[in-house]
Protein backbone atom coordinates (compact mmCIF):
# COMPACT_ATOMS: atom_id res chain seq x y z
CA MET A 1 -131.74 79.82 -193.65
CA LYS A 2 -129.69 82.43 -194.85
CA LEU A 3 -130.99 85.87 -195.01
CA SER A 4 -129.88 89.59 -195.12
CA HIS A 5 -127.15 90.92 -192.89
CA LEU A 6 -129.81 93.35 -191.66
CA SER A 7 -132.38 90.90 -190.82
CA GLU A 8 -129.84 88.53 -188.96
CA THR A 9 -128.48 91.60 -186.94
CA LEU A 10 -131.51 93.82 -186.10
CA ILE A 11 -132.68 93.38 -182.42
CA GLY A 12 -136.38 93.11 -181.94
CA SER A 13 -138.39 95.80 -179.81
CA GLU A 14 -137.80 94.89 -176.27
CA ILE A 15 -140.94 96.70 -175.42
CA VAL A 16 -142.70 94.45 -177.82
CA LYS A 17 -141.24 91.58 -176.10
CA LEU A 18 -142.19 92.36 -172.75
CA GLY A 19 -145.67 93.18 -173.98
CA GLY A 20 -146.08 89.36 -175.26
CA GLU A 21 -145.03 88.17 -172.09
CA ILE A 22 -147.40 90.57 -170.22
CA ARG A 23 -150.38 89.56 -172.47
CA GLU A 24 -149.63 85.65 -171.98
CA ARG A 25 -149.69 86.34 -168.41
CA MET A 26 -153.05 88.15 -168.34
CA ARG A 27 -154.63 85.40 -170.90
CA LEU A 28 -154.09 82.96 -168.17
CA GLY A 29 -155.92 85.25 -165.80
CA GLU A 30 -153.29 86.59 -163.81
CA PRO A 31 -153.47 90.17 -162.72
CA VAL A 32 -150.82 92.74 -164.01
CA TYR A 33 -150.55 96.38 -163.63
CA ASN A 34 -149.37 97.07 -167.42
CA PHE A 35 -147.61 100.34 -167.39
CA THR A 36 -145.32 99.42 -170.43
CA VAL A 37 -146.85 100.96 -173.56
CA GLY A 38 -146.73 104.22 -174.41
CA ASP A 39 -150.40 104.11 -175.43
CA PHE A 40 -153.96 104.69 -173.98
CA ASP A 41 -157.01 102.83 -172.88
CA PRO A 42 -159.87 104.39 -174.94
CA ALA A 43 -161.96 103.42 -172.03
CA ILE A 44 -160.17 105.81 -169.85
CA PHE A 45 -158.85 108.15 -172.41
CA PRO A 46 -161.10 108.26 -175.67
CA ILE A 47 -160.17 110.69 -178.48
CA PRO A 48 -161.67 114.06 -178.59
CA LYS A 49 -165.47 113.87 -179.68
CA ALA A 50 -165.21 116.26 -182.24
CA LEU A 51 -162.19 114.19 -183.96
CA GLU A 52 -164.32 110.84 -183.33
CA GLU A 53 -167.27 112.79 -185.26
CA GLU A 54 -165.01 113.83 -188.09
CA VAL A 55 -163.81 110.35 -188.41
CA ILE A 56 -167.27 108.99 -188.62
CA GLU A 57 -168.30 111.74 -191.05
CA ALA A 58 -165.46 111.14 -193.55
CA TYR A 59 -166.11 107.46 -193.70
CA ARG A 60 -169.91 108.16 -194.47
CA GLN A 61 -168.61 110.72 -197.16
CA HIS A 62 -166.48 107.48 -198.63
CA PHE A 63 -163.17 108.89 -198.32
CA THR A 64 -161.58 105.59 -198.81
CA ASN A 65 -159.37 105.78 -201.54
CA TYR A 66 -155.57 106.45 -201.78
CA PRO A 67 -154.44 109.92 -200.09
CA SER A 68 -151.85 112.12 -201.81
CA ALA A 69 -148.17 110.65 -201.34
CA GLU A 70 -147.29 113.67 -199.35
CA GLY A 71 -150.37 113.93 -197.57
CA ASN A 72 -153.75 115.69 -198.70
CA LEU A 73 -153.51 119.24 -199.19
CA ASP A 74 -156.43 120.25 -196.92
CA LEU A 75 -154.42 118.60 -194.21
CA ARG A 76 -151.26 120.10 -194.69
CA GLU A 77 -152.91 123.47 -195.11
CA ALA A 78 -154.49 122.73 -191.76
CA ILE A 79 -151.14 121.52 -190.17
CA SER A 80 -149.42 124.84 -191.64
CA ALA A 81 -151.99 126.99 -189.69
CA PHE A 82 -152.06 124.76 -186.65
CA LEU A 83 -148.41 125.25 -186.24
CA LEU A 84 -148.50 128.75 -186.81
CA GLU A 85 -151.31 129.35 -184.25
CA ARG A 86 -149.82 127.07 -181.77
CA GLU A 87 -146.08 127.48 -182.09
CA GLY A 88 -145.50 130.34 -183.96
CA LEU A 89 -143.74 128.13 -186.61
CA GLN A 90 -144.26 129.61 -190.21
CA TYR A 91 -144.06 126.29 -192.69
CA SER A 92 -145.67 126.29 -196.26
CA THR A 93 -147.28 123.26 -197.41
CA ASP A 94 -144.49 122.06 -199.70
CA GLU A 95 -142.41 122.00 -196.19
CA ILE A 96 -144.88 119.53 -194.63
CA LEU A 97 -145.45 115.80 -195.01
CA VAL A 98 -147.83 113.44 -193.68
CA SER A 99 -147.55 109.80 -192.67
CA CYS A 100 -149.22 106.92 -190.91
CA GLY A 101 -147.82 108.01 -187.56
CA GLY A 102 -144.15 109.08 -187.09
CA ARG A 103 -142.29 106.00 -187.19
CA PRO A 104 -142.10 105.90 -191.24
CA LEU A 105 -141.13 109.51 -191.14
CA ILE A 106 -138.36 108.91 -188.66
CA TYR A 107 -137.39 105.95 -190.78
CA SER A 108 -137.52 108.20 -194.02
CA LEU A 109 -135.22 110.86 -192.49
CA PHE A 110 -132.61 108.64 -191.46
CA ARG A 111 -132.72 107.32 -194.88
CA VAL A 112 -132.68 110.49 -196.41
CA ILE A 113 -129.78 112.13 -194.29
CA ALA A 114 -127.35 109.34 -193.31
CA ASP A 115 -125.41 107.13 -195.62
CA PRO A 116 -123.61 103.60 -194.28
CA GLY A 117 -120.70 104.75 -192.09
CA ASP A 118 -122.11 108.50 -191.41
CA ARG A 119 -121.97 109.49 -187.63
CA VAL A 120 -125.49 109.55 -186.02
CA ILE A 121 -125.47 111.24 -182.73
CA TYR A 122 -128.30 110.39 -180.08
CA ALA A 123 -128.48 110.09 -176.17
CA VAL A 124 -129.51 107.12 -174.29
CA PRO A 125 -132.10 106.42 -173.15
CA SER A 126 -134.24 107.51 -176.03
CA TRP A 127 -136.69 105.65 -178.39
CA ASN A 128 -135.42 103.42 -181.19
CA ASN A 129 -132.59 105.82 -182.28
CA ASN A 130 -129.89 102.68 -181.99
CA HIS A 131 -132.38 100.70 -184.22
CA TYR A 132 -133.03 103.53 -187.14
CA THR A 133 -129.09 103.73 -187.14
CA HIS A 134 -128.56 100.23 -187.47
CA PHE A 135 -131.28 100.47 -190.22
CA VAL A 136 -129.14 102.72 -192.43
CA GLY A 137 -125.60 101.42 -191.45
CA GLY A 138 -124.80 104.30 -189.40
CA GLU A 139 -121.82 104.81 -186.71
CA HIS A 140 -123.68 104.90 -183.35
CA ILE A 141 -122.21 108.00 -181.39
CA VAL A 142 -124.16 107.08 -178.16
CA ILE A 143 -124.17 110.07 -175.61
CA ASP A 144 -124.85 108.68 -171.71
CA THR A 145 -127.31 110.81 -169.93
CA SER A 146 -127.98 110.90 -166.37
CA PRO A 147 -130.62 111.75 -163.73
CA GLU A 148 -128.89 114.59 -162.72
CA ASN A 149 -129.45 116.23 -165.87
CA ASP A 150 -133.10 114.70 -166.38
CA PHE A 151 -131.63 112.34 -168.94
CA MET A 152 -130.99 114.96 -171.35
CA PRO A 153 -128.05 115.75 -173.41
CA ALA A 154 -126.13 119.01 -173.01
CA ALA A 155 -124.19 120.95 -175.75
CA ALA A 156 -120.90 119.83 -173.97
CA ASP A 157 -121.84 116.28 -174.20
CA ILE A 158 -122.16 116.35 -177.91
CA ARG A 159 -119.42 118.70 -178.77
CA PRO A 160 -116.58 116.14 -178.67
CA HIS A 161 -118.45 114.04 -181.29
CA ILE A 162 -120.02 116.54 -183.71
CA GLN A 163 -117.06 116.69 -186.32
CA GLY A 164 -118.18 114.66 -189.04
CA ALA A 165 -121.79 113.75 -187.88
CA THR A 166 -124.75 114.06 -190.25
CA LEU A 167 -127.54 113.52 -187.95
CA LEU A 168 -128.44 114.73 -184.41
CA CYS A 169 -131.38 113.14 -182.68
CA LEU A 170 -133.18 114.83 -180.16
CA CYS A 171 -136.52 114.36 -178.49
CA SER A 172 -138.33 116.65 -176.17
CA PRO A 173 -140.50 115.94 -174.26
CA GLN A 174 -138.62 112.70 -174.11
CA ASN A 175 -139.53 109.25 -174.60
CA PRO A 176 -138.81 107.35 -172.34
CA THR A 177 -137.97 109.79 -169.47
CA GLY A 178 -141.09 112.47 -169.73
CA THR A 179 -138.47 115.09 -169.46
CA THR A 180 -137.96 118.36 -171.25
CA ILE A 181 -134.67 120.00 -172.91
CA SER A 182 -134.11 123.41 -170.75
CA GLN A 183 -134.19 126.52 -173.07
CA LYS A 184 -130.64 127.15 -172.50
CA ASP A 185 -129.37 123.45 -173.34
CA LEU A 186 -131.34 123.89 -176.61
CA GLU A 187 -130.07 127.17 -177.10
CA ASP A 188 -126.54 125.92 -176.86
CA ILE A 189 -126.97 123.07 -178.99
CA CYS A 190 -128.46 125.04 -181.81
CA ASP A 191 -125.68 127.28 -181.79
CA MET A 192 -123.05 124.38 -181.89
CA VAL A 193 -124.83 123.14 -184.85
CA LEU A 194 -125.04 126.35 -186.75
CA GLN A 195 -121.45 127.07 -185.91
CA GLU A 196 -120.55 123.34 -187.19
CA ASN A 197 -122.37 123.90 -190.42
CA GLY A 198 -120.79 127.41 -191.22
CA ARG A 199 -117.40 125.54 -190.84
CA ARG A 200 -118.21 122.87 -193.26
CA GLY A 201 -117.38 123.45 -196.81
CA GLU A 202 -120.12 123.90 -199.46
CA GLY A 203 -119.61 120.42 -201.13
CA GLU A 204 -119.84 118.78 -197.41
CA LYS A 205 -122.65 117.39 -196.07
CA LYS A 206 -124.48 119.16 -193.22
CA LEU A 207 -125.48 118.49 -189.54
CA PHE A 208 -129.33 118.03 -189.60
CA VAL A 209 -131.18 117.89 -186.37
CA MET A 210 -134.20 115.46 -186.11
CA TYR A 211 -136.42 117.18 -183.52
CA ASP A 212 -138.99 114.53 -182.00
CA GLN A 213 -141.64 116.54 -180.13
CA MET A 214 -144.50 114.13 -180.37
CA TYR A 215 -145.42 115.21 -176.88
CA TRP A 216 -144.98 118.93 -176.96
CA GLN A 217 -148.46 119.98 -175.81
CA LEU A 218 -148.15 117.75 -172.86
CA THR A 219 -146.21 119.67 -170.25
CA TYR A 220 -147.35 120.41 -166.56
CA GLY A 221 -146.60 123.14 -164.20
CA ASP A 222 -143.70 125.35 -164.68
CA PHE A 223 -142.19 123.18 -167.42
CA ARG A 224 -142.43 124.63 -171.16
CA HIS A 225 -141.51 123.14 -174.39
CA HIS A 226 -138.84 124.60 -176.40
CA ASP A 227 -138.04 123.97 -180.20
CA PRO A 228 -134.73 124.73 -182.27
CA VAL A 229 -136.31 127.31 -184.89
CA SER A 230 -138.30 129.36 -182.13
CA LEU A 231 -135.04 129.84 -180.48
CA ARG A 232 -132.62 130.27 -183.35
CA PRO A 233 -134.37 131.11 -186.84
CA ALA A 234 -131.48 130.09 -188.78
CA MET A 235 -131.92 126.32 -187.62
CA LYS A 236 -134.62 125.95 -190.22
CA ASP A 237 -132.45 125.18 -192.80
CA TYR A 238 -131.11 122.40 -190.62
CA THR A 239 -134.15 121.09 -188.57
CA ILE A 240 -136.69 118.38 -189.13
CA TYR A 241 -139.74 118.14 -186.80
CA ILE A 242 -141.55 114.88 -186.22
CA ASP A 243 -145.15 115.33 -184.92
CA ALA A 244 -148.71 113.59 -184.99
CA ILE A 245 -151.74 113.63 -183.49
CA SER A 246 -151.03 110.12 -181.82
CA LYS A 247 -150.11 111.39 -178.05
CA VAL A 248 -151.54 114.77 -177.63
CA PHE A 249 -155.02 113.44 -178.75
CA ALA A 250 -155.12 110.14 -177.35
CA ALA A 251 -155.07 108.84 -180.95
CA THR A 252 -152.36 106.50 -181.77
CA GLY A 253 -154.48 104.23 -183.76
CA LEU A 254 -155.56 106.99 -186.28
CA ARG A 255 -152.08 106.73 -187.82
CA ILE A 256 -151.74 110.54 -188.30
CA GLY A 257 -148.20 111.82 -188.35
CA TRP A 258 -146.37 114.46 -189.84
CA ALA A 259 -142.71 115.82 -190.54
CA PHE A 260 -141.80 119.77 -191.52
CA GLY A 261 -138.48 120.90 -192.48
CA PRO A 262 -136.81 121.82 -195.50
CA ALA A 263 -138.71 121.51 -198.73
CA GLU A 264 -135.86 119.57 -200.24
CA VAL A 265 -135.68 117.14 -197.37
CA MET A 266 -139.43 116.83 -197.47
CA GLY A 267 -139.40 115.83 -201.13
CA LYS A 268 -136.73 113.10 -200.83
CA MET A 269 -138.63 111.64 -197.88
CA LYS A 270 -142.06 111.70 -199.81
CA SER A 271 -139.90 109.66 -202.45
CA ILE A 272 -139.24 107.01 -199.96
CA LEU A 273 -142.40 106.98 -198.29
CA GLY A 274 -144.02 106.98 -201.94
CA HIS A 275 -142.32 103.47 -202.45
CA ILE A 276 -143.20 102.04 -198.87
CA GLY A 277 -146.74 103.26 -199.08
CA ALA A 278 -146.92 104.39 -195.50
CA TRP A 279 -149.40 107.01 -195.85
CA GLY A 280 -152.03 108.15 -193.53
CA PRO A 281 -155.60 106.68 -193.89
CA MET A 282 -157.54 109.05 -196.12
CA ALA A 283 -160.63 109.01 -193.99
CA GLU A 284 -158.29 109.98 -190.85
CA GLN A 285 -156.50 112.59 -192.91
CA LYS A 286 -159.87 114.30 -193.92
CA ALA A 287 -161.15 114.06 -190.25
CA THR A 288 -157.70 115.48 -188.63
CA ALA A 289 -157.84 118.43 -191.71
CA ARG A 290 -161.46 119.12 -190.23
CA PHE A 291 -160.50 118.89 -186.56
CA LEU A 292 -157.11 121.01 -186.32
CA PRO A 293 -158.88 124.43 -187.06
CA GLN A 294 -161.20 123.56 -183.85
CA SER A 295 -159.41 125.47 -181.47
CA GLN A 296 -161.85 125.94 -178.72
CA LYS A 297 -162.59 122.37 -178.88
CA ILE A 298 -158.88 121.41 -178.77
CA ASP A 299 -158.19 123.42 -175.79
CA ALA A 300 -161.25 122.20 -173.82
CA PHE A 301 -159.89 118.53 -174.62
CA LEU A 302 -156.48 119.35 -173.51
CA GLY A 303 -157.46 121.09 -170.50
CA GLY A 304 -159.43 117.74 -169.26
CA PHE A 305 -156.76 115.40 -170.72
CA LYS A 306 -153.50 117.22 -169.38
CA ALA A 307 -155.16 117.37 -165.84
CA ALA A 308 -155.87 113.87 -165.82
CA MET A 309 -152.70 112.74 -167.17
CA LYS A 310 -151.12 115.16 -164.56
CA GLN A 311 -152.96 113.64 -161.60
CA ARG A 312 -151.76 110.12 -162.37
CA LEU A 313 -148.22 111.02 -162.89
CA ASP A 314 -148.23 113.29 -159.26
CA LYS A 315 -149.81 110.39 -157.46
CA MET A 316 -147.51 107.83 -158.82
CA TYR A 317 -144.80 110.09 -158.01
CA ALA A 318 -145.79 110.46 -154.75
CA GLY A 319 -146.00 106.89 -153.93
CA PHE A 320 -142.48 106.52 -154.90
CA MET A 321 -141.37 109.36 -152.69
CA GLN A 322 -143.21 107.82 -149.69
CA LEU A 323 -141.33 104.50 -150.54
CA LYS A 324 -138.19 106.12 -150.45
CA ASN A 325 -138.83 107.78 -147.54
CA GLU A 326 -139.63 104.40 -145.90
CA GLY A 327 -135.96 103.45 -147.00
CA PHE A 328 -136.83 101.56 -149.86
CA ALA A 329 -134.22 101.69 -152.81
CA VAL A 330 -136.40 103.28 -155.15
CA ASP A 331 -136.50 106.86 -156.74
CA ALA A 332 -138.36 108.99 -159.30
CA ILE A 333 -137.95 112.38 -161.19
CA THR A 334 -140.42 115.01 -160.61
CA PRO A 335 -143.25 114.58 -163.61
CA GLN A 336 -142.43 117.38 -166.34
CA ALA A 337 -144.05 116.18 -169.32
CA ALA A 338 -145.45 113.33 -171.83
CA ILE A 339 -147.29 110.48 -170.17
CA TYR A 340 -143.99 108.98 -168.42
CA LEU A 341 -142.88 108.84 -165.10
CA THR A 342 -138.85 108.16 -164.83
CA ILE A 343 -138.64 105.65 -161.79
CA LYS A 344 -135.78 103.85 -160.12
CA ILE A 345 -136.13 100.61 -158.39
CA ASP A 346 -132.56 99.52 -157.21
CA LEU A 347 -132.85 95.56 -156.20
CA ALA A 348 -130.02 93.73 -157.87
CA GLY A 349 -128.08 91.93 -155.49
CA LYS A 350 -130.94 91.21 -152.90
CA LYS A 351 -132.36 87.81 -152.28
CA ASN A 352 -136.07 86.75 -152.23
CA ARG A 353 -137.45 84.48 -149.44
CA ALA A 354 -136.27 81.25 -151.16
CA GLY A 355 -132.58 82.48 -151.17
CA GLU A 356 -132.69 83.13 -154.71
CA LEU A 357 -130.41 86.27 -155.84
CA LEU A 358 -131.57 88.91 -158.10
CA ALA A 359 -128.33 89.30 -159.74
CA THR A 360 -129.40 91.16 -162.68
CA GLN A 361 -131.56 94.01 -163.55
CA SER A 362 -133.35 91.65 -165.74
CA GLN A 363 -134.22 89.14 -162.73
CA VAL A 364 -135.28 92.57 -161.11
CA THR A 365 -137.75 93.38 -164.00
CA SER A 366 -139.04 89.83 -163.81
CA TYR A 367 -139.38 89.75 -160.07
CA LEU A 368 -141.65 93.04 -160.37
CA LEU A 369 -143.80 91.22 -162.55
CA ARG A 370 -143.99 88.01 -160.66
CA GLU A 371 -144.34 89.71 -157.01
CA ALA A 372 -145.46 93.13 -157.31
CA LYS A 373 -147.69 92.55 -160.86
CA LEU A 374 -145.83 95.65 -161.86
CA ALA A 375 -144.82 95.75 -165.45
CA VAL A 376 -142.72 98.84 -166.38
CA VAL A 377 -140.02 98.98 -169.25
CA PRO A 378 -136.26 99.04 -168.24
CA PHE A 379 -134.27 101.97 -169.90
CA SER A 380 -132.06 99.14 -171.10
CA ALA A 381 -134.86 98.81 -173.77
CA PHE A 382 -133.88 102.21 -174.73
CA GLY A 383 -130.23 101.84 -175.36
CA THR A 384 -128.66 102.15 -172.08
CA PRO A 385 -126.49 99.49 -170.22
CA LYS A 386 -128.66 96.45 -169.01
CA ASN A 387 -127.62 96.93 -165.40
CA MET A 388 -129.18 100.74 -165.28
CA PRO A 389 -132.09 100.57 -162.48
CA TRP A 390 -134.02 103.09 -164.25
CA TYR A 391 -137.71 102.38 -165.65
CA ARG A 392 -140.33 103.99 -167.83
CA LEU A 393 -143.63 103.92 -166.50
CA SER A 394 -146.65 105.03 -168.71
CA VAL A 395 -150.06 106.14 -167.34
CA GLY A 396 -151.84 106.20 -170.36
CA THR A 397 -153.59 102.82 -169.14
CA CYS A 398 -153.78 103.80 -165.62
CA GLN A 399 -156.81 103.95 -163.53
CA LEU A 400 -156.23 106.71 -160.69
CA ASP A 401 -157.53 104.19 -158.34
CA GLN A 402 -155.13 101.63 -159.06
CA ILE A 403 -152.11 103.60 -157.90
CA ASP A 404 -152.59 103.06 -154.28
CA ALA A 405 -152.82 99.37 -154.88
CA VAL A 406 -149.55 99.60 -157.07
CA ILE A 407 -147.63 101.33 -154.27
CA SER A 408 -148.88 98.79 -151.82
CA HIS A 409 -148.03 95.73 -153.85
CA LEU A 410 -144.39 97.14 -154.55
CA ARG A 411 -144.07 97.79 -151.15
CA GLU A 412 -144.94 94.04 -150.24
CA ALA A 413 -142.73 92.63 -152.94
CA MET A 414 -139.65 94.77 -151.73
CA GLN A 415 -140.15 93.73 -148.17
CA LYS A 416 -139.90 90.31 -148.92
CA LEU A 417 -136.10 90.87 -150.01
CA THR A 418 -132.98 90.76 -148.06
């Protein structure tokens, strides 16, 4: 069957594929420590009670019709006030666009900014930038990162590729790494973008920055979130933020996300989403509009939620450091933000007791699932080379009392290798 070039060349989600394999194992009764999905177990991490009550009340009031294409005015007003209160960012309602989560916003942004052949700059590992660039037929300008810089790009990495680029994709705190971009690095990147756009002629396309800050309220310890416009106000003309209730309120299924940036860009994105119909559900929009002004309840929720996340991340990190101290080929990056721990499990080249060689990182991943019952996502699912031994471990579905058993099973699995 002959189909479109896009459909024939698009690579399916590696995370979805891995998730299908895990669900099948679990269906057959096999125990699995599933830390692959960037989601939450509602039994462990329910949404805020105040938000839940607002959703129920919105349905009772029969808010079940179409919402406004750009997002209901009351929600955009609430988002505008929320941004000013929480980040000191001043955006009017015509500079805010609501959708059913972040993905349609990212897709529409790529469509609005990039033409086929345009250069799109993104670092790896990063979430789905490779696929969205393929959607629009852009030229992939891939910046390799390393654990030495917490897998975050710096201006010096980007500068050689900036000429002629139309979109620079940044994410902090980052999915999959759970790391944050430093103030100095982000300032340098912003200065570079401003200088480049000042150099471009009036008829030339500008360089825009997509700033995905989906996890920005989930930072831990001394780590802080920084954003382009707060550091360099002139970046407001060139920055489009992506945000949502999905992660910070454990509300992935409520499907309320928003973008904010230049009004002209928001208007074009709205036109694309209008044809797709990717609107946030009416009742959830109404509920979110009523919830966001409840500052005290939000702060109370975040206090407990962040503490629980940090506790899991810290304990998992300590377990990996113990394994490292015991001489196993593992490592991890100190938890900084989000719901992810970056871990290293470097077992390629080792043999199991049957003499079978783990020749590739893919075989290592399968071995971990089979022998340690540990399901984690390799960084290759986020655009890195397939032989990279680093993984994303998500704690959104993690029971605190599971962690000792996870580390024990991993130790036993690695002891079987030579």
